[in-house]
Amino acid sequence: METGQTYAGGEGVLMITGMNVSFGLYGHIAGDKPDKDMLVSIGVGVGF
Protein backbone atom coordinates (compact mmCIF):
# COMPACT_ATOMS: atom_id res chain seq x y z
CA MET A 1 0.00 0.00 0.00
CA GLU A 2 1.34 3.43 -0.94
CA THR A 3 1.65 6.27 1.57
CA GLY A 4 -1.12 8.87 1.64
CA GLN A 5 -3.96 6.37 1.17
CA THR A 6 -6.94 6.21 3.54
CA TYR A 7 -9.21 3.20 3.99
CA ALA A 8 -12.33 2.78 6.16
CA GLY A 9 -14.39 -0.29 6.92
CA GLY A 10 -15.34 -2.78 9.56
CA GLU A 11 -14.14 -5.87 11.31
CA GLY A 12 -15.98 -8.72 12.97
CA VAL A 13 -14.61 -11.02 15.66
CA LEU A 14 -15.86 -14.48 16.58
CA MET A 15 -14.66 -16.01 19.85
CA ILE A 16 -15.19 -19.70 20.62
CA THR A 17 -13.59 -21.28 23.72
CA GLY A 18 -10.62 -18.93 23.75
CA MET A 19 -9.96 -18.92 19.98
CA ASN A 20 -10.49 -15.61 18.19
CA VAL A 21 -11.14 -15.37 14.46
CA SER A 22 -11.48 -11.95 12.83
CA PHE A 23 -12.40 -10.79 9.34
CA GLY A 24 -12.28 -7.20 8.08
CA LEU A 25 -13.17 -5.45 4.84
CA TYR A 26 -11.96 -1.91 4.10
CA GLY A 27 -12.73 0.38 1.14
CA HIS A 28 -10.51 3.15 -0.27
CA ILE A 29 -11.88 6.60 0.63
CA ALA A 30 -9.00 9.08 0.04
CA GLY A 31 -5.67 9.41 -1.75
CA ASP A 32 -4.55 9.38 -5.38
CA LYS A 33 -4.15 6.22 -7.48
CA PRO A 34 -4.70 3.46 -4.91
CA ASP A 35 -3.04 0.09 -5.51
CA LYS A 36 -6.25 -1.58 -4.30
CA ASP A 37 -9.86 -0.40 -4.03
CA MET A 38 -10.57 -2.85 -1.19
CA LEU A 39 -8.42 -4.41 1.55
CA VAL A 40 -9.23 -7.65 3.38
CA SER A 41 -7.83 -8.60 6.79
CA ILE A 42 -8.03 -12.01 8.43
CA GLY A 43 -6.72 -12.88 11.88
CA VAL A 44 -6.57 -15.80 14.29
CA GLY A 45 -5.56 -15.64 17.93
CA VAL A 46 -5.81 -17.22 21.35
CA GLY A 47 -7.27 -15.38 24.33
CA PHE A 48 -7.14 -16.20 28.01
PDB file of N, CA and C in Angstrom:
ATOM      1  N   MET A   1       0.847  -1.162   0.000  1.00  0.00           N
ATOM      2  CA  MET A   1       0.000   0.000   0.000  1.00  0.00           C
ATOM      3  C   MET A   1       0.903   1.238   0.000  1.00  0.00           C
ATOM      4  N   GLU A   2       0.574   2.196  -0.849  1.00  0.00           N
ATOM      5  CA  GLU A   2       1.344   3.429  -0.937  1.00  0.00           C
ATOM      6  C   GLU A   2       0.999   4.370   0.224  1.00  0.00           C
ATOM      7  N   THR A   3       1.918   5.278   0.540  1.00  0.00           N
ATOM      8  CA  THR A   3       1.646   6.268   1.569  1.00  0.00           C
ATOM      9  C   THR A   3       0.592   7.246   1.070  1.00  0.00           C
ATOM     10  N   GLY A   4      -0.116   7.882   1.994  1.00  0.00           N
ATOM     11  CA  GLY A   4      -1.123   8.875   1.640  1.00  0.00           C
ATOM     12  C   GLY A   4      -2.467   8.295   1.238  1.00  0.00           C
ATOM     13  N   GLN A   5      -2.686   7.006   1.480  1.00  0.00           N
ATOM     14  CA  GLN A   5      -3.961   6.368   1.174  1.00  0.00           C
ATOM     15  C   GLN A   5      -4.759   6.201   2.465  1.00  0.00           C
ATOM     16  N   THR A   6      -6.074   6.377   2.373  1.00  0.00           N
ATOM     17  CA  THR A   6      -6.940   6.211   3.538  1.00  0.00           C
ATOM     18  C   THR A   6      -8.020   5.189   3.215  1.00  0.00           C
ATOM     19  N   TYR A   7      -8.209   4.235   4.128  1.00  0.00           N
ATOM     20  CA  TYR A   7      -9.213   3.200   3.985  1.00  0.00           C
ATOM     21  C   TYR A   7     -10.109   3.210   5.219  1.00  0.00           C
ATOM     22  N   ALA A   8     -11.394   2.893   5.042  1.00  0.00           N
ATOM     23  CA  ALA A   8     -12.329   2.779   6.164  1.00  0.00           C
ATOM     24  C   ALA A   8     -13.172   1.535   5.957  1.00  0.00           C
ATOM     25  N   GLY A   9     -13.579   0.917   7.042  1.00  0.00           N
ATOM     26  CA  GLY A   9     -14.386  -0.291   6.922  1.00  0.00           C
ATOM     27  C   GLY A   9     -14.730  -0.843   8.278  1.00  0.00           C
ATOM     28  N   GLY A  10     -14.943  -2.133   8.315  1.00  0.00           N
ATOM     29  CA  GLY A  10     -15.342  -2.777   9.556  1.00  0.00           C
ATOM     30  C   GLY A  10     -14.674  -4.118   9.734  1.00  0.00           C
ATOM     31  N   GLU A  11     -14.749  -4.590  10.976  1.00  0.00           N
ATOM     32  CA  GLU A  11     -14.137  -5.867  11.311  1.00  0.00           C
ATOM     33  C   GLU A  11     -15.041  -6.597  12.283  1.00  0.00           C
ATOM     34  N   GLY A  12     -15.202  -7.881  12.062  1.00  0.00           N
ATOM     35  CA  GLY A  12     -15.983  -8.720  12.966  1.00  0.00           C
ATOM     36  C   GLY A  12     -15.083  -9.735  13.633  1.00  0.00           C
ATOM     37  N   VAL A  13     -15.403 -10.057  14.895  1.00  0.00           N
ATOM     38  CA  VAL A  13     -14.609 -11.017  15.660  1.00  0.00           C
ATOM     39  C   VAL A  13     -15.536 -12.094  16.207  1.00  0.00           C
ATOM     40  N   LEU A  14     -15.138 -13.339  16.038  1.00  0.00           N
ATOM     41  CA  LEU A  14     -15.865 -14.482  16.576  1.00  0.00           C
ATOM     42  C   LEU A  14     -14.953 -15.166  17.588  1.00  0.00           C
ATOM     43  N   MET A  15     -15.462 -15.369  18.816  1.00  0.00           N
ATOM     44  CA  MET A  15     -14.660 -16.012  19.855  1.00  0.00           C
ATOM     45  C   MET A  15     -15.362 -17.284  20.315  1.00  0.00           C
ATOM     46  N   ILE A  16     -14.647 -18.402  20.186  1.00  0.00           N
ATOM     47  CA  ILE A  16     -15.185 -19.695  20.622  1.00  0.00           C
ATOM     48  C   ILE A  16     -14.131 -20.374  21.482  1.00  0.00           C
ATOM     49  N   THR A  17     -14.466 -20.612  22.738  1.00  0.00           N
ATOM     50  CA  THR A  17     -13.592 -21.275  23.718  1.00  0.00           C
ATOM     51  C   THR A  17     -12.142 -20.797  23.656  1.00  0.00           C
ATOM     52  N   GLY A  18     -11.955 -19.497  23.687  1.00  0.00           N
ATOM     53  CA  GLY A  18     -10.617 -18.926  23.746  1.00  0.00           C
ATOM     54  C   GLY A  18      -9.948 -18.677  22.411  1.00  0.00           C
ATOM     55  N   MET A  19     -10.509 -19.169  21.325  1.00  0.00           N
ATOM     56  CA  MET A  19      -9.956 -18.919  19.983  1.00  0.00           C
ATOM     57  C   MET A  19     -10.682 -17.737  19.356  1.00  0.00           C
ATOM     58  N   ASN A  20      -9.923 -16.782  18.857  1.00  0.00           N
ATOM     59  CA  ASN A  20     -10.492 -15.615  18.192  1.00  0.00           C
ATOM     60  C   ASN A  20     -10.232 -15.706  16.693  1.00  0.00           C
ATOM     61  N   VAL A  21     -11.271 -15.444  15.910  1.00  0.00           N
ATOM     62  CA  VAL A  21     -11.143 -15.369  14.455  1.00  0.00           C
ATOM     63  C   VAL A  21     -11.738 -14.036  14.038  1.00  0.00           C
ATOM     64  N   SER A  22     -10.980 -13.255  13.255  1.00  0.00           N
ATOM     65  CA  SER A  22     -11.479 -11.951  12.825  1.00  0.00           C
ATOM     66  C   SER A  22     -11.407 -11.826  11.310  1.00  0.00           C
ATOM     67  N   PHE A  23     -12.333 -11.035  10.772  1.00  0.00           N
ATOM     68  CA  PHE A  23     -12.400 -10.789   9.342  1.00  0.00           C
ATOM     69  C   PHE A  23     -12.767  -9.325   9.153  1.00  0.00           C
ATOM     70  N   GLY A  24     -12.012  -8.610   8.336  1.00  0.00           N
ATOM     71  CA  GLY A  24     -12.278  -7.201   8.083  1.00  0.00           C
ATOM     72  C   GLY A  24     -12.296  -6.891   6.601  1.00  0.00           C
ATOM     73  N   LEU A  25     -13.072  -5.892   6.222  1.00  0.00           N
ATOM     74  CA  LEU A  25     -13.171  -5.446   4.843  1.00  0.00           C
ATOM     75  C   LEU A  25     -13.131  -3.922   4.849  1.00  0.00           C
ATOM     76  N   TYR A  26     -12.200  -3.345   4.094  1.00  0.00           N
ATOM     77  CA  TYR A  26     -11.964  -1.908   4.099  1.00  0.00           C
ATOM     78  C   TYR A  26     -11.961  -1.360   2.683  1.00  0.00           C
ATOM     79  N   GLY A  27     -12.658  -0.252   2.459  1.00  0.00           N
ATOM     80  CA  GLY A  27     -12.726   0.378   1.145  1.00  0.00           C
ATOM     81  C   GLY A  27     -11.898   1.652   1.093  1.00  0.00           C
ATOM     82  N   HIS A  28     -11.334   1.947  -0.064  1.00  0.00           N
ATOM     83  CA  HIS A  28     -10.513   3.146  -0.272  1.00  0.00           C
ATOM     84  C   HIS A  28     -11.409   4.378  -0.262  1.00  0.00           C
ATOM     85  N   ILE A  29     -11.055   5.390   0.565  1.00  0.00           N
ATOM     86  CA  ILE A  29     -11.875   6.602   0.632  1.00  0.00           C
ATOM     87  C   ILE A  29     -11.108   7.873   0.290  1.00  0.00           C
ATOM     88  N   ALA A  30      -9.769   7.868   0.347  1.00  0.00           N
ATOM     89  CA  ALA A  30      -9.003   9.079   0.041  1.00  0.00           C
ATOM     90  C   ALA A  30      -7.592   8.720  -0.413  1.00  0.00           C
ATOM     91  N   GLY A  31      -7.022   9.608  -1.235  1.00  0.00           N
ATOM     92  CA  GLY A  31      -5.669   9.411  -1.755  1.00  0.00           C
ATOM     93  C   GLY A  31      -5.708   9.176  -3.247  1.00  0.00           C
ATOM     94  N   ASP A  32      -4.622   9.520  -3.929  1.00  0.00           N
ATOM     95  CA  ASP A  32      -4.552   9.379  -5.380  1.00  0.00           C
ATOM     96  C   ASP A  32      -4.039   8.009  -5.784  1.00  0.00           C
ATOM     97  N   LYS A  33      -4.608   7.465  -6.838  1.00  0.00           N
ATOM     98  CA  LYS A  33      -4.153   6.225  -7.477  1.00  0.00           C
ATOM     99  C   LYS A  33      -3.882   5.087  -6.488  1.00  0.00           C
ATOM    100  N   PRO A  34      -4.923   4.562  -5.867  1.00  0.00           N
ATOM    101  CA  PRO A  34      -4.704   3.462  -4.911  1.00  0.00           C
ATOM    102  C   PRO A  34      -4.266   2.191  -5.626  1.00  0.00           C
ATOM    103  N   ASP A  35      -3.419   1.405  -4.982  1.00  0.00           N
ATOM    104  CA  ASP A  35      -3.044   0.095  -5.514  1.00  0.00           C
ATOM    105  C   ASP A  35      -4.246  -0.841  -5.501  1.00  0.00           C
ATOM    106  N   LYS A  36      -5.081  -0.712  -4.465  1.00  0.00           N
ATOM    107  CA  LYS A  36      -6.249  -1.577  -4.299  1.00  0.00           C
ATOM    108  C   LYS A  36      -7.452  -0.739  -3.888  1.00  0.00           C
ATOM    109  N   ASP A  37      -8.628  -1.082  -4.425  1.00  0.00           N
ATOM    110  CA  ASP A  37      -9.858  -0.404  -4.027  1.00  0.00           C
ATOM    111  C   ASP A  37     -10.390  -0.941  -2.711  1.00  0.00           C
ATOM    112  N   MET A  38     -10.112  -2.212  -2.420  1.00  0.00           N
ATOM    113  CA  MET A  38     -10.571  -2.847  -1.187  1.00  0.00           C
ATOM    114  C   MET A  38      -9.409  -3.596  -0.540  1.00  0.00           C
ATOM    115  N   LEU A  39      -9.394  -3.623   0.784  1.00  0.00           N
ATOM    116  CA  LEU A  39      -8.424  -4.410   1.548  1.00  0.00           C
ATOM    117  C   LEU A  39      -9.183  -5.413   2.403  1.00  0.00           C
ATOM    118  N   VAL A  40      -8.635  -6.602   2.552  1.00  0.00           N
ATOM    119  CA  VAL A  40      -9.225  -7.647   3.380  1.00  0.00           C
ATOM    120  C   VAL A  40      -8.224  -7.997   4.471  1.00  0.00           C
ATOM    121  N   SER A  41      -8.711  -8.151   5.707  1.00  0.00           N
ATOM    122  CA  SER A  41      -7.834  -8.597   6.789  1.00  0.00           C
ATOM    123  C   SER A  41      -8.459  -9.834   7.438  1.00  0.00           C
ATOM    124  N   ILE A  42      -7.610 -10.777   7.780  1.00  0.00           N
ATOM    125  CA  ILE A  42      -8.029 -12.007   8.432  1.00  0.00           C
ATOM    126  C   ILE A  42      -7.049 -12.260   9.585  1.00  0.00           C
ATOM    127  N   GLY A  43      -7.591 -12.621  10.742  1.00  0.00           N
ATOM    128  CA  GLY A  43      -6.718 -12.883  11.880  1.00  0.00           C
ATOM    129  C   GLY A  43      -7.209 -14.045  12.717  1.00  0.00           C
ATOM    130  N   VAL A  44      -6.263 -14.703  13.372  1.00  0.00           N
ATOM    131  CA  VAL A  44      -6.570 -15.804  14.288  1.00  0.00           C
ATOM    132  C   VAL A  44      -5.722 -15.588  15.523  1.00  0.00           C
ATOM    133  N   GLY A  45      -6.324 -15.823  16.694  1.00  0.00           N
ATOM    134  CA  GLY A  45      -5.561 -15.644  17.928  1.00  0.00           C
ATOM    135  C   GLY A  45      -6.111 -16.492  19.052  1.00  0.00           C
ATOM    136  N   VAL A  46      -5.411 -16.479  20.157  1.00  0.00           N
ATOM    137  CA  VAL A  46      -5.810 -17.222  21.351  1.00  0.00           C
ATOM    138  C   VAL A  46      -5.938 -16.232  22.496  1.00  0.00           C
ATOM    139  N   GLY A  47      -7.049 -16.266  23.188  1.00  0.00           N
ATOM    140  CA  GLY A  47      -7.265 -15.378  24.335  1.00  0.00           C
ATOM    141  C   GLY A  47      -7.398 -16.171  25.623  1.00  0.00           C
ATOM    142  N   PHE A  48      -7.056 -15.534  26.704  1.00  0.00           N
ATOM    143  CA  PHE A  48      -7.136 -16.205  28.009  1.00  0.00           C
ATOM    144  C   PHE A  48      -8.118 -15.503  28.893  1.00  0.00           C
TER     145      PHE A  48
END
